[in-house]
Amino acid sequence: MTTTESTHTSNRKYLVTGAAVIAVAVAAYGLGRVYPPLGPVEGTIAPSGRYVSPQIGEGDVTLGDTSIAQLMQTDAFEVMTKNPSFRTLASDPGFAKLAQNGAAMAAIAANPQAFSGLAKDPAAFSAILTSAEAVSAVAKTADAGQAAAFSSMTRQPEAFAGLARHPEAFAAIARNPQAFSGYAKDFNGFRAAASNPSAVAGMAKDASAFLALSKDPAAMSAIGRSPEAFAAIAKNADAFSGIARNPQALQMAAKSAEAFSAAVGRNPEAAAAMAKDASAFHALSLQPQAFSAIARQPEAFAGLARHPEAFAAIARNPQAFSGYAKDFNGFKAAASNPQATAGMAKDASAFLALSKDPAAMSAIGRDPSAFASIAKNADAFSALLGSAKSFSSSANAIQSIATNAEGFKGLAANANALASAAQAAQAFTAASAAAKYASQGQFNARSMAAIASNPQAFSAMAANPQAFAGVAKDASALSAIAKNADAFNALKGVAQFQALAANPSFAAAMKDASFAASFR
């Protein structure tokens, strides 16, 4: 055996032992017969490639709550224990504290650069969180006008970015949009007017702002390529008026539109849907592989999402259900008599309710390959469904995807880009909410500047401020983020890390000192 193999075997044994100290030990053989790691084995096929330790013996596994043993059987855990960046993270005692907050961990894992610098300044972190808490209710969703405004901005991102470079001019346009709407078909007219603004009624009051815009060749060129932006502002006057009141919020909104378009192209239908249910899509974006699968088969997943307990049972033991991908009638029969089916008996009432929902069953029946998708992305779905609160939010996004299926159909191929688009939509709604509060005197210029300098962190906190409250109060957790920036950045976009970060069983395991110490 090589040194590497010896080290890995030794570490694995320490990990198993760490899990074992939590409860009463029993023999592995007996536990395997009575409490199998992934649920009942009758009528199921064990997942291929899952780790089964040859070292397990009496005292190495636990009776009762087997969640940690189950965690150690997942692909995500197996892959991450071999990852040097993950081991660097997990060996930091502060990381164990951070791991106790799965929702915050998942958000940090999705966008580590947004948090690594901010975590070095606990006061700034707390200040951003306070602002996020203030706007969270407003930032959870956008009204129809705001959603339409974001959709418009993603259609002409360069034009809006050009206008946002000159916020005083943008604000003047937003205050009197009908006076500028005609320029949507006459950009040369706008160019001439902006070059001599004192002679134009709609520009004279803000002549210096328009003159500065006219002398910015990059901004004027961008507007000239998409002058339809003037019509979009007029069509969604109230929404743009609110954003334009604050220069920092306007910049954040424009950057979010650019980020959306850079991630998935110009897709106004998806943009509007994501903005309207921003926090719901943000929650879904934290598990990109699951998000992508749902976007490919939205109707079937919407049907399952109507029955979260049944959905969660499938996610806990996906291999037991994967065969139904080619045998929907078998699933229908089993769900109608769940107590007779090993994989359903524990959640019989949930499956019976699903079987009696004709709309849900019809949706699943039209695309039963969703069962195979869950099995293929088992870790991501397990993490997504692991927190009832998190899934409650994600379920709204799933329904919205089904309602706007055509808009999402072409986006599913790139899971990380799809997730980035959802996070951009959340950033837009957070910026809109910040603008509203600033106009009411809730935020001073210093607060808005801090928000604008940390837009991704602010928008993630606004989506779920409660998740970050504990992190802000824990110096060791903040230190773990700051000290391990390189490790976090190396793990960005790694599906297994994102799944593990959000897994409640991982948080439970990291509470045990022996388990955490085994990574060192």
Protein backbone atom coordinates (compact mmCIF):
# COMPACT_ATOMS: atom_id res chain seq x y z
CA MET A 1 0.00 0.00 0.00
CA THR A 2 1.39 3.44 -0.92
CA THR A 3 1.75 6.26 1.58
CA THR A 4 -1.17 8.10 -0.06
CA GLU A 5 -3.38 5.03 0.13
CA SER A 6 -2.38 4.45 3.73
CA THR A 7 -3.15 8.07 4.64
CA HIS A 8 -6.54 7.96 2.90
CA THR A 9 -7.48 4.69 4.65
CA SER A 10 -6.36 6.11 7.99
CA ASN A 11 -8.33 9.33 7.46
CA ARG A 12 -11.42 7.38 6.42
CA LYS A 13 -11.23 5.29 9.56
CA TYR A 14 -10.91 8.42 11.69
CA LEU A 15 -13.95 9.88 9.96
CA VAL A 16 -16.01 6.78 10.62
CA THR A 17 -14.84 6.69 14.22
CA GLY A 18 -15.71 10.35 14.60
CA ALA A 19 -19.25 9.62 13.53
CA ALA A 20 -19.43 6.67 15.90
CA VAL A 21 -18.85 8.58 19.12
CA ILE A 22 -22.18 10.30 18.80
CA ALA A 23 -24.33 7.31 19.86
CA VAL A 24 -24.28 3.66 20.88
CA ALA A 25 -22.22 1.44 18.56
CA VAL A 26 -23.48 -1.75 16.98
CA ALA A 27 -21.99 -4.30 14.65
CA ALA A 28 -21.86 -3.20 11.02
CA TYR A 29 -23.46 -6.38 9.79
CA GLY A 30 -26.44 -6.06 12.10
CA LEU A 31 -26.90 -2.36 11.27
CA GLY A 32 -26.68 -3.09 7.58
CA ARG A 33 -29.60 -5.51 7.89
CA VAL A 34 -31.76 -3.34 10.10
CA TYR A 35 -30.76 0.26 9.25
CA PRO A 36 -29.25 0.31 5.75
CA PRO A 37 -27.42 3.56 4.86
CA LEU A 38 -29.76 4.65 2.08
CA GLY A 39 -33.05 3.27 3.33
CA PRO A 40 -34.78 -0.09 2.82
CA VAL A 41 -32.97 -2.37 0.42
CA GLU A 42 -35.83 -4.66 -0.54
CA GLY A 43 -36.69 -4.14 -4.17
CA THR A 44 -33.96 -1.55 -4.64
CA ILE A 45 -30.64 -1.39 -6.43
CA ALA A 46 -27.71 -0.03 -4.44
CA PRO A 47 -26.16 3.06 -6.05
CA SER A 48 -23.03 2.27 -7.98
CA GLY A 49 -19.82 3.99 -6.99
CA ARG A 50 -20.92 4.74 -3.40
CA TYR A 51 -18.18 4.28 -0.83
CA VAL A 52 -18.44 1.24 1.46
CA SER A 53 -15.58 1.11 3.94
CA PRO A 54 -13.89 -2.26 4.34
CA GLN A 55 -12.67 -1.05 7.74
CA ILE A 56 -16.11 -0.75 9.37
CA GLY A 57 -16.55 -3.00 12.35
CA GLU A 58 -18.27 -3.04 15.71
CA GLY A 59 -18.19 0.41 17.23
CA ASP A 60 -17.73 2.22 13.92
CA VAL A 61 -21.40 3.01 13.18
CA THR A 62 -24.29 4.42 15.11
CA LEU A 63 -27.72 3.23 16.12
CA GLY A 64 -30.75 5.47 15.86
CA ASP A 65 -29.88 8.59 13.88
CA THR A 66 -27.81 7.25 10.97
CA SER A 67 -27.64 10.58 9.14
CA ILE A 68 -23.86 10.86 9.49
CA ALA A 69 -23.37 7.31 8.25
CA GLN A 70 -25.63 8.17 5.32
CA LEU A 71 -23.62 11.32 4.66
CA MET A 72 -20.45 9.27 4.43
CA GLN A 73 -22.03 7.11 1.74
CA THR A 74 -22.65 10.06 -0.60
CA ASP A 75 -20.62 10.82 -3.67
CA ALA A 76 -20.19 14.41 -2.46
CA PHE A 77 -18.53 13.30 0.77
CA GLU A 78 -16.32 10.75 -0.95
CA VAL A 79 -15.10 13.27 -3.53
CA MET A 80 -14.56 16.09 -1.05
CA THR A 81 -12.51 14.06 1.44
CA LYS A 82 -9.94 13.63 -1.36
CA ASN A 83 -9.96 17.31 -2.34
CA PRO A 84 -6.97 19.28 -0.94
CA SER A 85 -8.86 22.58 -0.90
CA PHE A 86 -11.73 21.05 1.02
CA ARG A 87 -9.38 19.42 3.51
CA THR A 88 -7.70 22.79 4.05
CA LEU A 89 -11.08 24.32 4.83
CA ALA A 90 -12.31 21.50 7.03
CA SER A 91 -9.11 21.49 9.09
CA ASP A 92 -9.80 25.07 10.24
CA PRO A 93 -11.67 24.98 13.59
CA GLY A 94 -13.64 28.05 12.51
CA PHE A 95 -14.99 26.16 9.53
CA ALA A 96 -16.77 23.78 11.90
CA LYS A 97 -18.65 26.78 13.29
CA LEU A 98 -19.45 28.04 9.80
CA ALA A 99 -20.73 24.60 8.79
CA GLN A 100 -23.47 24.83 11.40
CA ASN A 101 -25.27 27.27 9.14
CA GLY A 102 -25.95 25.36 5.93
CA ALA A 103 -27.91 28.12 4.19
CA ALA A 104 -25.13 30.67 4.68
CA MET A 105 -22.50 28.09 3.78
CA ALA A 106 -24.28 27.30 0.52
CA ALA A 107 -24.48 31.00 -0.40
CA ILE A 108 -20.79 31.53 0.39
CA ALA A 109 -19.85 28.42 -1.59
CA ALA A 110 -21.77 29.78 -4.59
CA ASN A 111 -20.00 33.16 -4.53
CA PRO A 112 -16.92 33.05 -2.28
CA GLN A 113 -15.28 36.16 -3.70
CA ALA A 114 -18.22 38.23 -2.50
CA PHE A 115 -17.57 37.23 1.11
CA SER A 116 -13.85 36.58 1.54
CA GLY A 117 -12.86 40.25 1.62
CA LEU A 118 -15.91 41.39 3.57
CA ALA A 119 -15.31 38.76 6.26
CA LYS A 120 -12.01 40.46 7.15
CA ASP A 121 -14.03 43.41 8.49
CA PRO A 122 -16.64 42.14 10.99
CA ALA A 123 -18.09 45.64 11.44
CA ALA A 124 -18.64 46.02 7.69
CA PHE A 125 -20.10 42.50 7.51
CA SER A 126 -22.60 43.38 10.26
CA ALA A 127 -23.45 46.71 8.64
CA ILE A 128 -24.23 45.04 5.30
CA LEU A 129 -26.32 42.44 7.13
CA THR A 130 -28.30 45.15 8.94
CA SER A 131 -29.09 46.78 5.58
CA ALA A 132 -30.02 43.40 4.10
CA GLU A 133 -32.37 42.69 7.00
CA ALA A 134 -34.07 46.02 6.40
CA VAL A 135 -34.84 45.30 2.74
CA SER A 136 -35.31 41.51 2.87
CA ALA A 137 -39.11 41.52 2.76
CA VAL A 138 -39.16 43.85 -0.26
CA ALA A 139 -36.27 42.04 -1.94
CA LYS A 140 -37.90 38.62 -1.82
CA THR A 141 -40.04 39.42 -4.83
CA ALA A 142 -40.46 42.16 -7.39
CA ASP A 143 -43.81 43.53 -8.49
CA ALA A 144 -44.83 43.16 -12.12
CA GLY A 145 -43.34 46.52 -13.06
CA GLN A 146 -39.97 45.78 -11.49
CA ALA A 147 -39.84 42.35 -13.11
CA ALA A 148 -40.63 43.93 -16.47
CA ALA A 149 -37.92 46.55 -15.90
CA PHE A 150 -35.33 43.86 -15.23
CA SER A 151 -36.48 41.97 -18.30
CA SER A 152 -36.05 45.14 -20.36
CA MET A 153 -32.60 45.79 -18.96
CA THR A 154 -31.47 42.27 -19.87
CA ARG A 155 -32.68 42.87 -23.44
CA GLN A 156 -30.51 45.98 -23.80
CA PRO A 157 -27.85 45.56 -21.11
CA GLU A 158 -25.20 47.67 -22.87
CA ALA A 159 -27.55 50.61 -23.35
CA PHE A 160 -28.64 50.61 -19.72
CA ALA A 161 -25.05 50.26 -18.57
CA GLY A 162 -24.18 53.32 -20.68
CA LEU A 163 -27.04 55.33 -19.21
CA ALA A 164 -26.17 54.20 -15.68
CA ARG A 165 -22.72 55.74 -16.07
CA HIS A 166 -24.53 59.08 -16.04
CA PRO A 167 -27.10 58.72 -13.24
CA GLU A 168 -28.25 62.35 -13.30
CA ALA A 169 -29.16 62.07 -16.97
CA PHE A 170 -30.85 58.71 -16.34
CA ALA A 171 -32.84 60.21 -13.47
CA ALA A 172 -33.97 63.08 -15.72
CA ILE A 173 -35.13 60.60 -18.36
CA ALA A 174 -36.93 58.50 -15.72
CA ARG A 175 -38.74 61.56 -14.34
CA ASN A 176 -40.15 62.45 -17.77
CA PRO A 177 -39.89 59.26 -19.85
CA GLN A 178 -42.53 60.20 -22.42
CA ALA A 179 -40.43 63.15 -23.50
CA PHE A 180 -37.64 60.74 -24.43
CA SER A 181 -39.60 57.74 -25.74
CA GLY A 182 -39.48 59.05 -29.32
CA TYR A 183 -35.69 58.72 -29.32
CA ALA A 184 -36.18 54.93 -29.37
CA LYS A 185 -36.49 55.32 -33.16
CA ASP A 186 -34.37 58.44 -33.55
CA PHE A 187 -31.02 58.04 -31.84
CA ASN A 188 -29.44 60.72 -34.03
CA GLY A 189 -32.06 63.11 -32.68
CA PHE A 190 -31.03 62.20 -29.13
CA ARG A 191 -27.37 62.68 -29.98
CA ALA A 192 -28.05 66.15 -31.38
CA ALA A 193 -30.22 67.14 -28.43
CA ALA A 194 -27.72 65.91 -25.82
CA SER A 195 -24.98 67.91 -27.55
CA ASN A 196 -27.01 71.11 -27.06
CA PRO A 197 -29.17 70.31 -24.02
CA SER A 198 -29.89 73.90 -23.01
CA ALA A 199 -32.04 74.23 -26.12
CA VAL A 200 -34.16 71.14 -25.34
CA ALA A 201 -37.01 71.47 -22.84
CA GLY A 202 -36.61 67.96 -21.37
CA MET A 203 -32.86 68.39 -20.89
CA ALA A 204 -32.31 72.06 -20.01
CA LYS A 205 -32.74 71.58 -16.28
CA ASP A 206 -30.01 68.92 -16.30
CA ALA A 207 -27.94 70.35 -19.13
CA SER A 208 -24.53 69.54 -17.62
CA ALA A 209 -25.51 65.90 -17.10
CA PHE A 210 -26.66 65.43 -20.70
CA LEU A 211 -23.64 67.29 -22.06
CA ALA A 212 -21.37 64.94 -20.10
CA LEU A 213 -23.26 61.97 -21.53
CA SER A 214 -22.92 63.30 -25.07
CA LYS A 215 -19.14 63.51 -24.59
CA ASP A 216 -18.85 59.88 -23.43
CA PRO A 217 -18.28 57.96 -26.68
CA ALA A 218 -18.51 54.50 -25.05
CA ALA A 219 -21.85 55.29 -23.40
CA MET A 220 -23.29 56.94 -26.50
CA SER A 221 -22.18 54.05 -28.70
CA ALA A 222 -23.82 51.53 -26.36
CA ILE A 223 -27.10 53.51 -26.30
CA GLY A 224 -26.97 53.90 -30.06
CA ARG A 225 -26.85 50.14 -30.55
CA SER A 226 -30.03 49.67 -28.52
CA PRO A 227 -32.01 52.94 -28.40
CA GLU A 228 -35.12 50.86 -27.62
CA ALA A 229 -34.07 51.40 -24.02
CA PHE A 230 -35.87 54.78 -24.13
CA ALA A 231 -39.16 53.03 -24.94
CA ALA A 232 -38.55 50.46 -22.20
CA ILE A 233 -38.08 53.22 -19.62
CA ALA A 234 -41.34 54.85 -20.70
CA LYS A 235 -43.19 51.53 -20.60
CA ASN A 236 -42.04 50.78 -17.03
CA ALA A 237 -41.87 54.34 -15.77
CA ASP A 238 -42.62 53.73 -12.09
CA ALA A 239 -40.06 50.96 -11.71
CA PHE A 240 -37.29 52.89 -13.44
CA SER A 241 -38.16 56.04 -11.55
CA GLY A 242 -37.58 54.19 -8.27
CA ILE A 243 -34.23 52.75 -9.35
CA ALA A 244 -33.03 56.05 -10.83
CA ARG A 245 -33.43 57.89 -7.53
CA ASN A 246 -30.19 56.45 -6.25
CA PRO A 247 -26.97 56.33 -8.31
CA GLN A 248 -25.48 53.36 -6.43
CA ALA A 249 -28.65 51.32 -6.74
CA LEU A 250 -28.84 52.18 -10.43
CA GLN A 251 -25.30 50.91 -10.95
CA MET A 252 -26.13 47.70 -9.10
CA ALA A 253 -29.25 47.18 -11.21
CA ALA A 254 -27.38 47.79 -14.47
CA LYS A 255 -24.58 45.41 -13.49
CA SER A 256 -27.08 42.71 -12.55
CA ALA A 257 -28.69 42.98 -16.00
CA GLU A 258 -25.27 42.68 -17.63
CA ALA A 259 -24.44 39.67 -15.46
CA PHE A 260 -27.69 37.96 -16.38
CA SER A 261 -27.12 38.47 -20.10
CA ALA A 262 -23.50 37.36 -19.84
CA ALA A 263 -24.58 34.16 -18.12
CA VAL A 264 -27.47 33.02 -20.31
CA GLY A 265 -27.93 35.53 -23.10
CA ARG A 266 -31.05 37.61 -23.73
CA ASN A 267 -34.02 35.74 -22.36
CA PRO A 268 -36.63 38.26 -21.19
CA GLU A 269 -39.16 35.59 -20.16
CA ALA A 270 -36.74 33.88 -17.80
CA ALA A 271 -35.47 37.23 -16.54
CA ALA A 272 -38.97 38.39 -15.58
CA ALA A 273 -39.78 35.07 -13.89
CA MET A 274 -36.55 35.10 -11.89
CA ALA A 275 -36.98 38.71 -10.80
CA LYS A 276 -40.58 38.19 -9.74
CA ASP A 277 -39.64 35.30 -7.39
CA ALA A 278 -36.08 36.39 -6.73
CA SER A 279 -35.36 34.78 -3.37
CA ALA A 280 -37.02 31.52 -4.45
CA PHE A 281 -34.77 31.30 -7.49
CA HIS A 282 -31.78 32.30 -5.37
CA ALA A 283 -32.43 29.35 -3.05
CA LEU A 284 -32.65 27.03 -6.06
CA SER A 285 -29.46 28.49 -7.54
CA LEU A 286 -27.45 27.22 -4.57
CA GLN A 287 -27.78 23.71 -6.02
CA PRO A 288 -27.07 24.29 -9.74
CA GLN A 289 -27.22 20.62 -10.75
CA ALA A 290 -30.71 20.24 -9.31
CA PHE A 291 -31.71 23.59 -10.83
CA SER A 292 -30.57 22.43 -14.27
CA ALA A 293 -32.44 19.13 -14.02
CA ILE A 294 -35.62 20.93 -13.01
CA ALA A 295 -35.29 23.35 -15.93
CA ARG A 296 -35.09 20.39 -18.32
CA GLN A 297 -38.18 18.67 -16.90
CA PRO A 298 -40.21 21.43 -15.25
CA GLU A 299 -43.70 19.91 -15.36
CA ALA A 300 -42.70 16.64 -13.70
CA PHE A 301 -40.76 18.44 -10.97
CA ALA A 302 -43.61 20.88 -10.42
CA GLY A 303 -45.86 17.88 -9.84
CA LEU A 304 -43.42 16.43 -7.31
CA ALA A 305 -42.96 19.82 -5.62
CA ARG A 306 -46.67 19.86 -4.81
CA HIS A 307 -45.95 16.97 -2.45
CA PRO A 308 -42.67 17.85 -0.71
CA GLU A 309 -42.68 14.92 1.74
CA ALA A 310 -42.91 12.41 -1.11
CA PHE A 311 -40.32 14.37 -3.08
CA ALA A 312 -37.97 14.33 -0.08
CA ALA A 313 -38.44 10.57 0.36
CA ILE A 314 -37.47 10.03 -3.29
CA ALA A 315 -34.41 12.27 -2.87
CA ARG A 316 -33.28 10.34 0.23
CA ASN A 317 -33.30 7.02 -1.65
CA PRO A 318 -33.20 7.92 -5.36
CA GLN A 319 -31.89 4.59 -6.61
CA ALA A 320 -35.01 2.86 -5.27
CA PHE A 321 -37.08 5.06 -7.59
CA SER A 322 -34.83 5.37 -10.62
CA GLY A 323 -36.41 2.31 -12.26
CA TYR A 324 -39.73 4.15 -12.44
CA ALA A 325 -38.18 6.40 -15.09
CA LYS A 326 -39.19 3.67 -17.56
CA ASP A 327 -42.13 2.28 -15.63
CA PHE A 328 -44.51 5.05 -14.62
CA ASN A 329 -47.40 2.61 -14.31
CA GLY A 330 -45.32 0.76 -11.72
CA PHE A 331 -44.89 4.00 -9.78
CA LYS A 332 -48.60 4.73 -10.01
CA ALA A 333 -49.45 1.29 -8.64
CA ALA A 334 -46.88 1.51 -5.85
CA ALA A 335 -47.97 5.01 -4.79
CA SER A 336 -51.57 3.80 -4.61
CA ASN A 337 -50.53 1.13 -2.12
CA PRO A 338 -47.40 2.62 -0.52
CA GLN A 339 -47.38 0.53 2.64
CA ALA A 340 -46.62 -2.52 0.52
CA THR A 341 -43.56 -0.85 -1.07
CA ALA A 342 -40.33 -0.76 0.92
CA GLY A 343 -39.18 2.63 -0.40
CA MET A 344 -42.57 4.26 0.32
CA ALA A 345 -43.85 2.62 3.50
CA LYS A 346 -42.19 5.08 5.87
CA ASP A 347 -43.89 7.99 4.06
CA ALA A 348 -47.07 6.16 3.07
CA SER A 349 -49.45 9.06 3.65
CA ALA A 350 -47.34 11.39 1.50
CA PHE A 351 -47.25 8.98 -1.44
CA LEU A 352 -50.94 8.19 -1.08
CA ALA A 353 -51.73 11.90 -1.26
CA LEU A 354 -49.55 12.20 -4.36
CA SER A 355 -51.32 9.25 -6.01
CA LYS A 356 -54.66 11.00 -5.47
CA ASP A 357 -53.51 14.26 -7.11
CA PRO A 358 -54.42 13.75 -10.80
CA ALA A 359 -52.68 16.94 -11.97
CA ALA A 360 -49.40 16.03 -10.28
CA MET A 361 -49.52 12.41 -11.41
CA SER A 362 -50.33 13.43 -14.97
CA ALA A 363 -47.39 15.85 -15.03
CA ILE A 364 -45.00 13.20 -13.72
CA GLY A 365 -46.41 10.62 -16.11
CA ARG A 366 -45.65 12.82 -19.11
CA ASP A 367 -41.96 12.87 -18.18
CA PRO A 368 -41.10 10.11 -15.69
CA SER A 369 -37.42 10.39 -16.59
CA ALA A 370 -37.36 12.94 -13.75
CA PHE A 371 -36.80 9.94 -11.45
CA ALA A 372 -33.56 9.18 -13.29
CA SER A 373 -32.53 12.85 -13.08
CA ILE A 374 -32.94 12.81 -9.31
CA ALA A 375 -30.78 9.68 -9.06
CA LYS A 376 -28.15 11.18 -11.37
CA ASN A 377 -27.94 14.34 -9.23
CA ALA A 378 -28.62 12.67 -5.91
CA ASP A 379 -26.37 14.84 -3.75
CA ALA A 380 -27.77 18.10 -5.12
CA PHE A 381 -31.39 17.06 -4.62
CA SER A 382 -30.65 15.71 -1.16
CA ALA A 383 -29.17 19.08 -0.18
CA LEU A 384 -32.01 21.01 -1.79
CA LEU A 385 -34.64 19.00 0.06
CA GLY A 386 -32.66 18.67 3.27
CA SER A 387 -33.99 21.91 4.72
CA ALA A 388 -37.76 22.29 4.80
CA LYS A 389 -37.43 26.09 4.90
CA SER A 390 -35.05 26.14 1.94
CA PHE A 391 -37.20 23.84 -0.13
CA SER A 392 -40.36 25.77 0.68
CA SER A 393 -38.76 28.74 -1.09
CA SER A 394 -37.37 26.63 -3.94
CA ALA A 395 -40.79 25.08 -4.58
CA ASN A 396 -42.11 28.48 -5.67
CA ALA A 397 -39.32 28.73 -8.22
CA ILE A 398 -40.06 25.23 -9.54
CA GLN A 399 -43.68 26.18 -10.15
CA SER A 400 -42.56 29.37 -11.88
CA ILE A 401 -40.22 27.42 -14.16
CA ALA A 402 -43.09 25.14 -15.17
CA THR A 403 -45.27 28.16 -15.90
CA ASN A 404 -42.53 29.65 -18.09
CA ALA A 405 -41.19 26.38 -19.47
CA GLU A 406 -40.27 27.74 -22.90
CA GLY A 407 -38.16 30.50 -21.41
CA PHE A 408 -36.10 28.02 -19.40
CA LYS A 409 -35.85 25.18 -21.90
CA GLY A 410 -32.70 26.44 -23.56
CA LEU A 411 -30.98 27.46 -20.33
CA ALA A 412 -30.66 24.04 -18.68
CA ALA A 413 -27.49 22.93 -20.47
CA ASN A 414 -25.17 25.07 -18.32
CA ALA A 415 -26.02 24.59 -14.65
CA ASN A 416 -23.59 27.17 -13.25
CA ALA A 417 -24.64 29.82 -15.78
CA LEU A 418 -28.28 29.22 -14.90
CA ALA A 419 -27.44 29.67 -11.22
CA SER A 420 -25.53 32.88 -11.99
CA ALA A 421 -28.54 34.25 -13.83
CA ALA A 422 -30.79 33.63 -10.83
CA GLN A 423 -28.31 35.35 -8.54
CA ALA A 424 -28.23 38.34 -10.90
CA ALA A 425 -32.02 38.60 -10.70
CA GLN A 426 -31.81 38.56 -6.91
CA ALA A 427 -29.19 41.32 -7.06
CA PHE A 428 -31.55 43.45 -9.13
CA THR A 429 -34.45 43.11 -6.69
CA ALA A 430 -32.10 43.85 -3.78
CA ALA A 431 -30.89 46.99 -5.59
CA SER A 432 -34.49 48.09 -6.23
CA ALA A 433 -35.36 47.56 -2.58
CA ALA A 434 -32.27 49.49 -1.47
CA ALA A 435 -33.24 52.40 -3.74
CA LYS A 436 -36.71 52.47 -2.23
CA TYR A 437 -35.40 52.53 1.33
CA ALA A 438 -32.78 55.15 0.52
CA SER A 439 -35.49 57.41 -0.89
CA GLN A 440 -37.35 57.06 2.42
CA GLY A 441 -34.28 58.08 4.39
CA GLN A 442 -33.63 54.57 5.72
CA PHE A 443 -30.09 54.45 4.30
CA ASN A 444 -27.61 57.30 4.29
CA ALA A 445 -25.00 57.84 1.60
CA ARG A 446 -22.38 55.91 3.56
CA SER A 447 -24.66 52.88 3.91
CA MET A 448 -25.51 52.93 0.21
CA ALA A 449 -21.82 53.17 -0.70
CA ALA A 450 -21.09 50.11 1.46
CA ILE A 451 -23.93 48.19 -0.20
CA ALA A 452 -22.75 49.20 -3.66
CA SER A 453 -19.20 48.08 -2.92
CA ASN A 454 -20.41 44.63 -1.84
CA PRO A 455 -23.44 44.02 -4.09
CA GLN A 456 -23.22 40.22 -4.33
CA ALA A 457 -22.87 39.76 -0.58
CA PHE A 458 -25.67 42.25 0.05
CA SER A 459 -28.06 40.53 -2.37
CA ALA A 460 -27.30 37.06 -0.95
CA MET A 461 -27.90 38.33 2.59
CA ALA A 462 -31.13 40.03 1.52
CA ALA A 463 -32.40 36.71 0.17
CA ASN A 464 -31.91 35.02 3.56
CA PRO A 465 -30.69 37.40 6.29
CA GLN A 466 -31.46 34.97 9.10
CA ALA A 467 -28.88 32.55 7.73
CA PHE A 468 -26.10 35.13 8.06
CA ALA A 469 -27.05 36.44 11.49
CA GLY A 470 -25.20 33.66 13.30
CA VAL A 471 -22.14 34.04 11.07
CA ALA A 472 -21.92 37.76 11.82
CA LYS A 473 -21.80 37.05 15.55
CA ASP A 474 -19.13 34.36 15.34
CA ALA A 475 -15.59 35.69 14.97
CA SER A 476 -14.15 32.23 14.28
CA ALA A 477 -16.63 31.62 11.43
CA LEU A 478 -15.79 34.98 9.84
CA SER A 479 -12.09 34.26 10.27
CA ALA A 480 -12.51 30.92 8.49
CA ILE A 481 -14.00 32.68 5.47
CA ALA A 482 -11.28 35.32 5.37
CA LYS A 483 -8.32 33.01 5.95
CA ASN A 484 -9.41 30.39 3.46
CA ALA A 485 -10.29 32.59 0.49
CA ASP A 486 -8.10 30.56 -1.87
CA ALA A 487 -9.68 27.28 -0.82
CA PHE A 488 -13.21 28.66 -1.16
CA ASN A 489 -12.42 30.10 -4.58
CA ALA A 490 -10.91 26.80 -5.73
CA LEU A 491 -14.16 25.06 -4.79
CA LYS A 492 -16.47 27.53 -6.52
CA GLY A 493 -18.69 25.73 -8.99
CA VAL A 494 -17.78 22.29 -7.62
CA ALA A 495 -21.15 20.56 -7.37
CA GLN A 496 -20.08 18.17 -4.62
CA PHE A 497 -18.95 21.01 -2.37
CA GLN A 498 -22.16 22.95 -2.93
CA ALA A 499 -24.18 19.85 -2.04
CA LEU A 500 -22.11 19.07 1.04
CA ALA A 501 -22.17 22.68 2.27
CA ALA A 502 -25.97 22.64 2.42
CA ASN A 503 -26.33 19.14 3.86
CA PRO A 504 -27.67 19.23 7.46
CA SER A 505 -25.89 15.95 8.20
CA PHE A 506 -22.54 17.54 7.42
CA ALA A 507 -23.29 20.32 9.90
CA ALA A 508 -24.17 17.68 12.50
CA ALA A 509 -20.97 15.75 11.80
CA MET A 510 -18.77 18.84 12.10
CA LYS A 511 -20.11 19.44 15.60
CA ASP A 512 -18.15 16.40 16.73
CA ALA A 513 -14.55 17.29 17.56
CA SER A 514 -13.20 13.87 16.57
CA PHE A 515 -14.85 14.05 13.18
CA ALA A 516 -13.56 17.56 12.49
CA ALA A 517 -10.07 16.72 13.77
CA SER A 518 -9.78 13.82 11.33
CA PHE A 519 -9.27 16.29 8.47
CA ARG A 520 -6.13 17.73 10.05
